[in-house]
N, C-alpha and C. Protein backbone atom coordinates (compact mmCIF):
# COMPACT_ATOMS: atom_id res chain seq x y z
N MET A 1 60.88 118.77 83.96
CA MET A 1 62.23 118.26 84.23
C MET A 1 62.61 118.52 85.68
N THR A 2 63.54 117.73 86.16
CA THR A 2 64.00 117.87 87.54
C THR A 2 65.47 117.51 87.63
N ARG A 3 66.15 118.11 88.59
CA ARG A 3 67.56 117.74 88.80
C ARG A 3 67.68 116.44 89.59
N PHE A 4 66.56 115.93 90.10
CA PHE A 4 66.57 114.67 90.86
C PHE A 4 66.43 113.51 89.87
N THR A 5 67.44 113.37 89.02
CA THR A 5 67.33 112.44 87.89
C THR A 5 67.37 110.98 88.32
N SER A 6 68.18 110.65 89.31
CA SER A 6 68.25 109.25 89.76
C SER A 6 66.92 108.82 90.36
N GLU A 7 66.33 109.68 91.17
CA GLU A 7 65.06 109.37 91.80
C GLU A 7 63.95 109.27 90.74
N ARG A 8 64.03 110.15 89.74
CA ARG A 8 63.02 110.10 88.68
C ARG A 8 63.12 108.80 87.89
N ARG A 9 64.32 108.33 87.64
CA ARG A 9 64.49 107.06 86.92
C ARG A 9 63.89 105.90 87.71
N VAL A 10 64.03 105.94 89.02
CA VAL A 10 63.44 104.91 89.87
C VAL A 10 61.92 104.91 89.71
N PHE A 11 61.33 106.09 89.77
CA PHE A 11 59.88 106.20 89.61
C PHE A 11 59.45 105.71 88.22
N ASP A 12 60.17 106.13 87.20
CA ASP A 12 59.81 105.74 85.84
C ASP A 12 59.91 104.23 85.65
N ARG A 13 60.90 103.61 86.28
CA ARG A 13 61.02 102.15 86.19
C ARG A 13 59.86 101.47 86.90
N LEU A 14 59.49 101.98 88.07
CA LEU A 14 58.35 101.41 88.78
C LEU A 14 57.10 101.53 87.94
N LYS A 15 56.91 102.67 87.31
CA LYS A 15 55.72 102.88 86.49
C LYS A 15 55.70 101.94 85.29
N ALA A 16 56.85 101.70 84.70
CA ALA A 16 56.93 100.86 83.51
C ALA A 16 56.82 99.37 83.83
N ASP A 17 57.38 98.95 84.96
CA ASP A 17 57.56 97.52 85.21
C ASP A 17 56.66 96.93 86.28
N CYS A 18 55.92 97.75 87.01
CA CYS A 18 55.09 97.22 88.10
C CYS A 18 54.03 96.27 87.54
N SER A 19 53.98 95.06 88.07
CA SER A 19 53.01 94.08 87.59
C SER A 19 51.63 94.37 88.17
N SER A 20 50.61 93.89 87.49
CA SER A 20 49.25 94.06 87.98
C SER A 20 49.06 93.32 89.30
N THR A 21 49.77 92.20 89.46
CA THR A 21 49.68 91.44 90.71
C THR A 21 50.24 92.23 91.88
N ALA A 22 51.45 92.78 91.70
CA ALA A 22 52.07 93.57 92.77
C ALA A 22 51.23 94.81 93.08
N GLN A 23 50.72 95.45 92.04
CA GLN A 23 49.89 96.63 92.25
C GLN A 23 48.64 96.28 93.05
N GLY A 24 47.98 95.19 92.68
CA GLY A 24 46.78 94.78 93.40
C GLY A 24 47.06 94.47 94.86
N GLN A 25 48.18 93.82 95.12
CA GLN A 25 48.55 93.49 96.49
C GLN A 25 48.86 94.75 97.30
N TYR A 26 49.50 95.71 96.65
CA TYR A 26 49.80 97.00 97.30
C TYR A 26 48.50 97.71 97.66
N GLU A 27 47.58 97.79 96.72
CA GLU A 27 46.30 98.45 96.95
C GLU A 27 45.54 97.79 98.10
N GLU A 28 45.54 96.46 98.11
CA GLU A 28 44.82 95.74 99.17
C GLU A 28 45.48 95.95 100.53
N ALA A 29 46.81 95.99 100.54
CA ALA A 29 47.53 96.20 101.80
C ALA A 29 47.21 97.57 102.39
N VAL A 30 47.21 98.60 101.54
CA VAL A 30 46.90 99.95 102.03
C VAL A 30 45.45 100.02 102.52
N ALA A 31 44.54 99.44 101.78
CA ALA A 31 43.12 99.46 102.17
C ALA A 31 42.91 98.76 103.51
N THR A 32 43.55 97.61 103.70
CA THR A 32 43.41 96.87 104.95
C THR A 32 43.99 97.65 106.12
N LEU A 33 45.14 98.27 105.89
CA LEU A 33 45.79 99.09 106.93
C LEU A 33 44.88 100.23 107.37
N LEU A 34 44.31 100.95 106.40
CA LEU A 34 43.47 102.10 106.74
C LEU A 34 42.17 101.67 107.42
N GLU A 35 41.64 100.52 107.02
CA GLU A 35 40.43 100.01 107.65
C GLU A 35 40.67 99.67 109.12
N ARG A 36 41.82 99.09 109.39
CA ARG A 36 42.12 98.67 110.77
C ARG A 36 42.59 99.81 111.65
N TYR A 37 43.36 100.73 111.06
CA TYR A 37 43.96 101.81 111.84
C TYR A 37 43.57 103.16 111.23
N ASN A 38 42.37 103.61 111.55
CA ASN A 38 41.84 104.86 111.02
C ASN A 38 42.75 106.02 111.43
N THR A 39 43.19 106.79 110.46
CA THR A 39 44.10 107.89 110.76
C THR A 39 43.40 109.10 111.37
N THR A 40 42.08 109.03 111.55
CA THR A 40 41.41 110.05 112.36
C THR A 40 41.96 110.03 113.78
N ILE A 41 42.34 108.84 114.25
CA ILE A 41 43.02 108.71 115.55
C ILE A 41 44.47 109.13 115.35
N HIS A 42 44.86 110.20 116.02
CA HIS A 42 46.13 110.85 115.70
C HIS A 42 47.32 109.91 115.80
N GLU A 43 47.38 109.11 116.86
CA GLU A 43 48.56 108.28 117.04
C GLU A 43 48.70 107.23 115.95
N ASN A 44 47.58 106.88 115.30
CA ASN A 44 47.64 105.90 114.22
C ASN A 44 48.36 106.42 112.99
N ARG A 45 48.43 107.75 112.83
CA ARG A 45 49.00 108.32 111.61
C ARG A 45 50.46 107.94 111.43
N PHE A 46 51.19 107.88 112.53
CA PHE A 46 52.61 107.58 112.43
C PHE A 46 52.84 106.13 112.04
N VAL A 47 52.05 105.24 112.62
CA VAL A 47 52.18 103.82 112.29
C VAL A 47 51.73 103.56 110.86
N VAL A 48 50.62 104.17 110.45
CA VAL A 48 50.15 104.01 109.08
C VAL A 48 51.20 104.52 108.10
N GLY A 49 51.77 105.69 108.40
CA GLY A 49 52.83 106.24 107.53
C GLY A 49 54.01 105.30 107.42
N GLY A 50 54.42 104.72 108.56
CA GLY A 50 55.55 103.79 108.54
C GLY A 50 55.24 102.52 107.77
N ALA A 51 54.02 102.01 107.92
CA ALA A 51 53.65 100.80 107.18
C ALA A 51 53.59 101.07 105.68
N VAL A 52 53.08 102.22 105.28
CA VAL A 52 53.03 102.55 103.85
C VAL A 52 54.45 102.69 103.29
N GLU A 53 55.39 103.18 104.08
CA GLU A 53 56.79 103.19 103.65
C GLU A 53 57.26 101.77 103.34
N VAL A 54 56.94 100.83 104.22
CA VAL A 54 57.36 99.44 104.02
C VAL A 54 56.69 98.85 102.79
N PHE A 55 55.38 99.10 102.62
CA PHE A 55 54.68 98.59 101.43
C PHE A 55 55.34 99.14 100.15
N THR A 56 55.68 100.43 100.17
CA THR A 56 56.25 101.07 98.97
C THR A 56 57.65 100.55 98.69
N TYR A 57 58.42 100.35 99.74
CA TYR A 57 59.74 99.72 99.60
C TYR A 57 59.60 98.35 98.94
N ALA A 58 58.63 97.56 99.40
CA ALA A 58 58.43 96.23 98.83
C ALA A 58 58.01 96.32 97.37
N LEU A 59 57.20 97.32 97.03
CA LEU A 59 56.77 97.50 95.65
C LEU A 59 57.96 97.84 94.75
N LEU A 60 58.84 98.70 95.25
CA LEU A 60 60.05 99.05 94.48
C LEU A 60 60.93 97.81 94.29
N ARG A 61 61.08 97.03 95.34
CA ARG A 61 61.91 95.82 95.24
C ARG A 61 61.30 94.82 94.26
N SER A 62 59.97 94.83 94.13
CA SER A 62 59.30 93.86 93.26
C SER A 62 59.65 94.05 91.79
N VAL A 63 60.13 95.25 91.43
CA VAL A 63 60.56 95.48 90.04
C VAL A 63 62.09 95.50 89.93
N GLY A 64 62.77 95.05 90.99
CA GLY A 64 64.21 94.91 90.94
C GLY A 64 65.00 96.15 91.30
N ILE A 65 64.35 97.14 91.90
CA ILE A 65 65.07 98.37 92.27
C ILE A 65 65.87 98.12 93.54
N ASP A 66 67.14 98.48 93.50
CA ASP A 66 68.05 98.34 94.64
C ASP A 66 67.77 99.47 95.62
N CYS A 67 67.21 99.14 96.78
CA CYS A 67 66.89 100.17 97.76
C CYS A 67 66.83 99.56 99.15
N LYS A 68 66.88 100.42 100.16
CA LYS A 68 66.82 99.98 101.55
C LYS A 68 65.91 100.92 102.33
N LEU A 69 65.24 100.37 103.34
CA LEU A 69 64.51 101.22 104.27
C LEU A 69 65.50 102.03 105.09
N TYR A 70 65.19 103.30 105.31
CA TYR A 70 66.21 104.21 105.83
C TYR A 70 65.68 105.17 106.88
N SER A 71 64.35 105.24 107.06
CA SER A 71 63.79 106.31 107.88
C SER A 71 64.20 106.23 109.35
N ASP A 72 64.60 105.04 109.82
CA ASP A 72 65.03 104.94 111.21
C ASP A 72 66.44 105.48 111.43
N GLN A 73 67.13 105.81 110.33
CA GLN A 73 68.48 106.32 110.43
C GLN A 73 68.63 107.77 109.99
N SER A 74 67.64 108.31 109.30
CA SER A 74 67.76 109.66 108.75
C SER A 74 66.40 110.31 108.62
N SER A 75 66.34 111.60 108.93
CA SER A 75 65.10 112.36 108.73
C SER A 75 64.99 112.87 107.30
N ALA A 76 66.05 112.68 106.50
CA ALA A 76 66.08 113.23 105.14
C ALA A 76 65.26 112.40 104.16
N GLY A 77 65.07 111.13 104.45
CA GLY A 77 64.34 110.30 103.51
C GLY A 77 63.93 108.99 104.16
N ASP A 78 63.07 108.26 103.47
CA ASP A 78 62.57 106.99 103.99
C ASP A 78 63.20 105.79 103.31
N ILE A 79 63.59 105.95 102.04
CA ILE A 79 64.17 104.85 101.25
C ILE A 79 65.50 105.31 100.67
N LEU A 80 66.52 104.50 100.91
CA LEU A 80 67.87 104.81 100.43
C LEU A 80 68.12 104.11 99.10
N LEU A 81 68.56 104.88 98.12
CA LEU A 81 68.89 104.38 96.79
C LEU A 81 70.40 104.34 96.62
N PRO A 82 70.91 103.71 95.56
CA PRO A 82 72.36 103.73 95.32
C PRO A 82 72.91 105.16 95.22
N ARG A 83 74.19 105.30 95.51
CA ARG A 83 74.90 106.58 95.46
C ARG A 83 74.29 107.60 96.42
N ASP A 84 73.78 107.10 97.55
CA ASP A 84 73.29 107.94 98.64
C ASP A 84 72.13 108.84 98.23
N ARG A 85 71.38 108.46 97.21
CA ARG A 85 70.17 109.20 96.86
C ARG A 85 69.02 108.69 97.73
N LYS A 86 68.04 109.53 97.96
CA LYS A 86 66.97 109.18 98.89
C LYS A 86 65.60 109.51 98.31
N LEU A 87 64.62 108.75 98.74
CA LEU A 87 63.22 109.03 98.43
C LEU A 87 62.45 109.13 99.74
N SER A 88 61.60 110.12 99.82
CA SER A 88 60.67 110.22 100.94
C SER A 88 59.31 109.67 100.50
N ILE A 89 58.57 109.09 101.44
CA ILE A 89 57.24 108.56 101.15
C ILE A 89 56.24 109.32 102.02
N LYS A 90 55.24 109.94 101.38
CA LYS A 90 54.22 110.69 102.10
C LYS A 90 52.85 110.28 101.59
N GLY A 91 51.88 110.18 102.50
CA GLY A 91 50.55 109.78 102.11
C GLY A 91 49.52 110.86 102.39
N SER A 92 48.49 110.90 101.57
CA SER A 92 47.30 111.69 101.85
C SER A 92 46.11 110.78 101.60
N PHE A 93 45.48 110.37 102.69
CA PHE A 93 44.40 109.39 102.58
C PHE A 93 43.02 110.04 102.65
N ARG A 94 43.01 111.36 102.40
CA ARG A 94 41.76 112.10 102.22
C ARG A 94 41.63 112.53 100.76
N GLY A 95 42.53 112.06 99.92
CA GLY A 95 42.55 112.50 98.53
C GLY A 95 43.52 113.65 98.36
N ILE A 96 43.26 114.52 97.39
CA ILE A 96 44.16 115.63 97.11
C ILE A 96 43.98 116.69 98.20
N ALA A 97 45.00 116.86 99.00
CA ALA A 97 44.97 117.78 100.14
C ALA A 97 46.41 118.21 100.42
N SER A 98 46.58 119.15 101.32
CA SER A 98 47.93 119.54 101.71
C SER A 98 48.63 118.34 102.38
N VAL A 99 49.94 118.26 102.19
CA VAL A 99 50.72 117.13 102.71
C VAL A 99 51.89 117.68 103.52
N LYS A 100 52.04 117.18 104.74
CA LYS A 100 53.18 117.57 105.58
C LYS A 100 54.43 116.89 105.03
N LEU A 101 55.39 117.70 104.59
CA LEU A 101 56.64 117.18 104.03
C LEU A 101 57.67 116.91 105.12
N LEU A 102 57.73 117.82 106.09
CA LEU A 102 58.73 117.73 107.15
C LEU A 102 58.11 118.20 108.45
N ASN A 103 58.43 117.53 109.53
CA ASN A 103 58.05 117.99 110.86
C ASN A 103 59.23 118.74 111.47
N LYS A 104 58.94 119.61 112.42
CA LYS A 104 60.02 120.31 113.09
C LYS A 104 59.60 120.67 114.50
N MET A 105 60.59 120.93 115.33
CA MET A 105 60.37 121.44 116.68
C MET A 105 61.13 122.76 116.78
N GLY A 106 60.47 123.76 117.32
CA GLY A 106 61.11 125.07 117.42
C GLY A 106 60.92 125.88 116.17
N GLY A 107 61.55 127.04 116.14
CA GLY A 107 61.39 127.96 115.02
C GLY A 107 62.33 127.64 113.88
N GLY A 108 62.26 128.47 112.84
CA GLY A 108 63.15 128.31 111.70
C GLY A 108 62.51 127.53 110.57
N TRP A 109 62.98 127.78 109.39
CA TRP A 109 62.46 127.15 108.18
C TRP A 109 63.19 125.85 107.92
N ARG A 110 62.45 124.79 107.63
CA ARG A 110 63.06 123.51 107.22
C ARG A 110 62.79 123.33 105.74
N LYS A 111 63.86 123.20 104.99
CA LYS A 111 63.76 123.13 103.54
C LYS A 111 63.44 121.72 103.08
N TRP A 112 62.49 121.60 102.15
CA TRP A 112 62.21 120.34 101.49
C TRP A 112 63.26 120.14 100.40
N ASP A 113 64.06 119.09 100.55
CA ASP A 113 65.13 118.88 99.58
C ASP A 113 65.27 117.41 99.18
N THR A 114 64.17 116.65 99.30
CA THR A 114 64.19 115.23 98.98
C THR A 114 63.07 114.90 98.01
N ALA A 115 63.39 114.19 96.94
CA ALA A 115 62.35 113.72 96.02
C ALA A 115 61.38 112.82 96.79
N THR A 116 60.11 112.90 96.43
CA THR A 116 59.07 112.26 97.23
C THR A 116 58.10 111.47 96.37
N LEU A 117 57.70 110.31 96.89
CA LEU A 117 56.58 109.57 96.31
C LEU A 117 55.38 109.83 97.20
N PHE A 118 54.37 110.46 96.64
CA PHE A 118 53.13 110.76 97.36
C PHE A 118 52.12 109.65 97.07
N VAL A 119 51.62 109.01 98.11
CA VAL A 119 50.61 107.96 97.97
C VAL A 119 49.26 108.62 98.26
N ILE A 120 48.46 108.82 97.22
CA ILE A 120 47.28 109.67 97.31
C ILE A 120 46.00 108.88 97.04
N SER A 121 45.10 108.89 97.99
CA SER A 121 43.82 108.20 97.83
C SER A 121 43.09 108.72 96.59
N GLY A 122 42.56 107.78 95.81
CA GLY A 122 41.82 108.14 94.62
C GLY A 122 42.67 108.52 93.43
N THR A 123 43.98 108.53 93.60
CA THR A 123 44.89 108.93 92.50
C THR A 123 45.93 107.86 92.22
N GLY A 124 46.77 107.55 93.20
CA GLY A 124 47.84 106.58 93.02
C GLY A 124 49.13 107.07 93.64
N ILE A 125 50.25 106.69 93.05
CA ILE A 125 51.57 107.13 93.51
C ILE A 125 52.03 108.26 92.60
N VAL A 126 52.41 109.38 93.21
CA VAL A 126 52.75 110.60 92.48
C VAL A 126 54.19 110.97 92.78
N PHE A 127 54.97 111.24 91.73
CA PHE A 127 56.35 111.68 91.91
C PHE A 127 56.39 113.20 92.01
N GLY A 128 57.14 113.68 92.98
CA GLY A 128 57.35 115.12 93.11
C GLY A 128 58.72 115.41 93.67
N ALA A 129 59.27 116.55 93.30
CA ALA A 129 60.56 116.99 93.80
C ALA A 129 60.51 118.50 94.02
N PRO A 130 61.38 119.02 94.88
CA PRO A 130 61.32 120.45 95.20
C PRO A 130 61.38 121.38 93.99
N ASP A 131 62.13 121.00 92.96
CA ASP A 131 62.25 121.88 91.80
C ASP A 131 61.13 121.68 90.78
N MET A 132 60.12 120.91 91.14
CA MET A 132 58.96 120.70 90.27
C MET A 132 57.73 121.47 90.75
N VAL A 133 57.87 122.17 91.86
CA VAL A 133 56.74 122.84 92.50
C VAL A 133 57.04 124.32 92.65
N ASP A 134 56.06 125.14 92.37
CA ASP A 134 56.20 126.58 92.60
C ASP A 134 56.49 126.82 94.08
N PRO A 135 57.54 127.61 94.40
CA PRO A 135 57.90 127.84 95.81
C PRO A 135 56.73 128.35 96.67
N GLY A 136 55.78 129.04 96.04
CA GLY A 136 54.63 129.52 96.80
C GLY A 136 53.74 128.42 97.32
N ASN A 137 53.88 127.22 96.78
CA ASN A 137 53.09 126.08 97.22
C ASN A 137 53.81 125.24 98.27
N ILE A 138 54.95 125.71 98.73
CA ILE A 138 55.67 125.07 99.84
C ILE A 138 55.64 126.04 101.00
N GLN A 139 54.96 125.67 102.08
CA GLN A 139 54.68 126.62 103.14
C GLN A 139 55.17 126.14 104.49
N ASP A 140 55.60 127.10 105.32
CA ASP A 140 55.94 126.85 106.71
C ASP A 140 54.65 126.95 107.52
N THR A 141 54.29 125.86 108.20
CA THR A 141 53.04 125.85 108.97
C THR A 141 53.29 125.94 110.47
N GLY A 142 54.49 126.33 110.86
CA GLY A 142 54.81 126.45 112.28
C GLY A 142 55.41 125.18 112.86
N ASP A 143 54.74 124.05 112.62
CA ASP A 143 55.26 122.78 113.12
C ASP A 143 55.91 121.95 112.03
N GLY A 144 56.05 122.53 110.84
CA GLY A 144 56.69 121.80 109.76
C GLY A 144 56.58 122.52 108.43
N THR A 145 56.94 121.80 107.39
CA THR A 145 56.88 122.31 106.02
C THR A 145 55.85 121.50 105.26
N THR A 146 54.98 122.19 104.54
CA THR A 146 53.82 121.55 103.90
C THR A 146 53.75 121.89 102.43
N LEU A 147 53.39 120.89 101.63
CA LEU A 147 53.04 121.11 100.22
C LEU A 147 51.54 121.36 100.16
N THR A 148 51.14 122.47 99.55
CA THR A 148 49.72 122.79 99.48
C THR A 148 48.98 121.83 98.55
N ALA A 149 47.66 121.82 98.70
CA ALA A 149 46.83 121.01 97.80
C ALA A 149 47.02 121.44 96.36
N ASN A 150 47.16 122.74 96.12
CA ASN A 150 47.40 123.22 94.75
C ASN A 150 48.72 122.73 94.21
N GLY A 151 49.73 122.69 95.06
CA GLY A 151 51.03 122.17 94.64
C GLY A 151 50.94 120.71 94.25
N LEU A 152 50.24 119.92 95.06
CA LEU A 152 50.05 118.51 94.75
C LEU A 152 49.23 118.34 93.49
N ARG A 153 48.20 119.17 93.35
CA ARG A 153 47.34 119.12 92.16
C ARG A 153 48.16 119.40 90.89
N GLY A 154 49.11 120.32 91.00
CA GLY A 154 49.96 120.62 89.86
C GLY A 154 50.81 119.43 89.44
N LEU A 155 51.34 118.68 90.41
CA LEU A 155 52.11 117.47 90.09
C LEU A 155 51.22 116.43 89.41
N ILE A 156 50.02 116.25 89.95
CA ILE A 156 49.10 115.25 89.42
C ILE A 156 48.63 115.63 88.02
N GLY A 157 48.62 116.92 87.72
CA GLY A 157 48.17 117.38 86.41
C GLY A 157 49.01 116.90 85.25
N ASP A 158 50.23 116.46 85.52
CA ASP A 158 51.10 115.88 84.50
C ASP A 158 51.06 114.36 84.65
N ALA A 159 50.45 113.68 83.70
CA ALA A 159 50.26 112.24 83.80
C ALA A 159 51.57 111.48 83.93
N ASP A 160 52.67 112.06 83.45
CA ASP A 160 53.96 111.39 83.57
C ASP A 160 54.38 111.24 85.03
N ASN A 161 53.80 112.05 85.91
CA ASN A 161 54.16 112.02 87.33
C ASN A 161 53.32 111.05 88.15
N VAL A 162 52.40 110.33 87.50
CA VAL A 162 51.41 109.55 88.24
C VAL A 162 51.42 108.08 87.81
N ILE A 163 51.44 107.20 88.81
CA ILE A 163 51.13 105.78 88.58
C ILE A 163 49.71 105.58 89.09
N PRO A 164 48.73 105.49 88.21
CA PRO A 164 47.34 105.38 88.66
C PRO A 164 47.12 104.10 89.48
N MET A 165 46.52 104.27 90.63
CA MET A 165 46.20 103.13 91.50
C MET A 165 44.92 103.41 92.25
N LYS A 166 44.29 102.34 92.71
CA LYS A 166 43.09 102.46 93.52
C LYS A 166 43.50 102.49 95.00
N ILE A 167 44.01 103.66 95.41
CA ILE A 167 44.42 103.82 96.80
C ILE A 167 43.19 104.21 97.62
N ALA A 168 42.88 103.41 98.64
CA ALA A 168 41.68 103.63 99.44
C ALA A 168 41.75 104.93 100.22
N CYS A 169 40.59 105.48 100.54
CA CYS A 169 40.49 106.61 101.46
C CYS A 169 40.37 106.10 102.89
N LYS A 170 40.79 106.91 103.83
CA LYS A 170 40.59 106.54 105.23
C LYS A 170 39.10 106.49 105.53
N PRO A 171 38.68 105.64 106.47
CA PRO A 171 37.26 105.59 106.83
C PRO A 171 36.81 106.94 107.39
N PRO A 172 35.51 107.24 107.30
CA PRO A 172 35.02 108.51 107.84
C PRO A 172 35.19 108.57 109.35
N THR A 173 35.17 109.80 109.87
CA THR A 173 35.40 110.01 111.30
C THR A 173 34.42 109.21 112.16
N GLU A 174 33.17 109.09 111.72
CA GLU A 174 32.18 108.39 112.53
C GLU A 174 32.45 106.90 112.63
N MET A 175 33.40 106.38 111.84
CA MET A 175 33.77 104.97 111.92
C MET A 175 34.94 104.73 112.86
N THR A 176 35.40 105.79 113.52
CA THR A 176 36.58 105.67 114.38
C THR A 176 36.39 104.62 115.47
N GLY A 177 35.18 104.50 115.99
CA GLY A 177 34.93 103.54 117.05
C GLY A 177 35.14 102.10 116.64
N PHE A 178 35.16 101.83 115.34
CA PHE A 178 35.37 100.48 114.85
C PHE A 178 36.85 100.21 114.52
N SER A 179 37.69 101.22 114.74
CA SER A 179 39.10 101.11 114.38
C SER A 179 39.94 100.69 115.58
N HIS A 180 41.04 100.02 115.30
CA HIS A 180 42.02 99.73 116.34
C HIS A 180 42.79 101.01 116.66
N LYS A 181 43.21 101.12 117.90
CA LYS A 181 44.15 102.17 118.30
C LYS A 181 45.48 101.48 118.54
N VAL A 182 46.53 101.97 117.92
CA VAL A 182 47.81 101.25 117.92
C VAL A 182 48.28 100.91 119.32
N SER A 183 48.28 101.89 120.22
CA SER A 183 48.81 101.65 121.56
C SER A 183 47.99 100.60 122.31
N THR A 184 46.67 100.63 122.15
CA THR A 184 45.82 99.65 122.83
C THR A 184 46.05 98.25 122.27
N ALA A 185 46.10 98.14 120.94
CA ALA A 185 46.32 96.83 120.33
C ALA A 185 47.67 96.25 120.74
N LEU A 186 48.71 97.09 120.76
CA LEU A 186 50.04 96.62 121.15
C LEU A 186 50.08 96.23 122.62
N ALA A 187 49.48 97.05 123.46
CA ALA A 187 49.48 96.74 124.89
C ALA A 187 48.77 95.42 125.16
N ARG A 188 47.63 95.23 124.51
CA ARG A 188 46.87 93.99 124.72
C ARG A 188 47.67 92.78 124.24
N GLN A 189 48.36 92.93 123.11
CA GLN A 189 49.17 91.82 122.59
C GLN A 189 50.26 91.43 123.58
N ILE A 190 50.92 92.43 124.16
CA ILE A 190 52.00 92.14 125.11
C ILE A 190 51.45 91.50 126.39
N LEU A 191 50.28 91.94 126.83
CA LEU A 191 49.67 91.33 128.00
C LEU A 191 49.32 89.86 127.75
N PHE A 192 48.85 89.56 126.55
CA PHE A 192 48.61 88.16 126.18
C PHE A 192 49.90 87.36 126.22
N GLU A 193 50.95 87.91 125.60
CA GLU A 193 52.21 87.18 125.50
C GLU A 193 52.86 86.95 126.85
N THR A 194 52.65 87.87 127.78
CA THR A 194 53.27 87.74 129.11
C THR A 194 52.31 87.11 130.13
N HIS A 195 51.13 86.64 129.63
CA HIS A 195 50.14 85.96 130.48
C HIS A 195 49.75 86.81 131.69
N ALA A 196 49.59 88.10 131.45
CA ALA A 196 49.24 89.04 132.53
C ALA A 196 47.73 89.02 132.76
N ASP A 197 47.22 87.93 133.33
CA ASP A 197 45.78 87.74 133.42
C ASP A 197 45.08 88.79 134.27
N LYS A 198 45.74 89.27 135.32
CA LYS A 198 45.13 90.29 136.17
C LYS A 198 44.94 91.59 135.39
N LEU A 199 45.91 91.93 134.59
CA LEU A 199 45.82 93.16 133.81
C LEU A 199 44.88 92.98 132.63
N LEU A 200 44.85 91.80 132.05
CA LEU A 200 43.95 91.55 130.94
C LEU A 200 42.48 91.65 131.36
N SER A 201 42.21 91.45 132.62
CA SER A 201 40.83 91.53 133.09
C SER A 201 40.28 92.94 133.00
N ALA A 202 41.16 93.92 132.75
CA ALA A 202 40.72 95.31 132.56
C ALA A 202 39.99 95.49 131.23
N PHE A 203 40.13 94.49 130.32
CA PHE A 203 39.51 94.57 129.00
C PHE A 203 38.28 93.65 129.00
N PRO A 204 37.10 94.20 129.14
CA PRO A 204 35.88 93.37 129.25
C PRO A 204 35.65 92.45 128.04
N SER A 205 36.13 92.88 126.88
CA SER A 205 35.87 92.09 125.68
C SER A 205 36.83 90.94 125.49
N VAL A 206 37.83 90.85 126.32
CA VAL A 206 38.84 89.79 126.18
C VAL A 206 38.35 88.53 126.87
């Protein structure tokens, strides 16, 4: 049980009503994203995380859930639900591993206080909330607050918390050379759009 009842109802509705078509499209979107933007490249992690938020928002909307993207306005959550309730979206594309819940700058403890949908490779979408996890599995790592792999494993151990999906794993590190780097891809696109031929000549493959 959890005191995050509104958020839990949203998850339960998604689990009950998600169509096989929407699920398949979600799985394919995540797989394509990870193939193109390998999260081994550090800067890609933020863009991949943001795109997965958008995919998950679209999945929630596909079953008629009233929600809005919110992460650009608040650090407390990524998706805004009615009555000012919030859901955070976090991914682990290495499978069951520790997950950064909150980032921080400077000292001090940042408390995890938002219900979260964890998108986990090899598992699916997992519902978790602060009162569902042993406090010992929520750790301060210096640069943020993290849910341990054991904490995540405990959530997954209850089938009611899981929407099984074929969520792809990130490509192995040795495949990084075949991946796009977000800043390079964006820069090249802008150079094309602005017809910057002198600058484009810096890219031999163009």
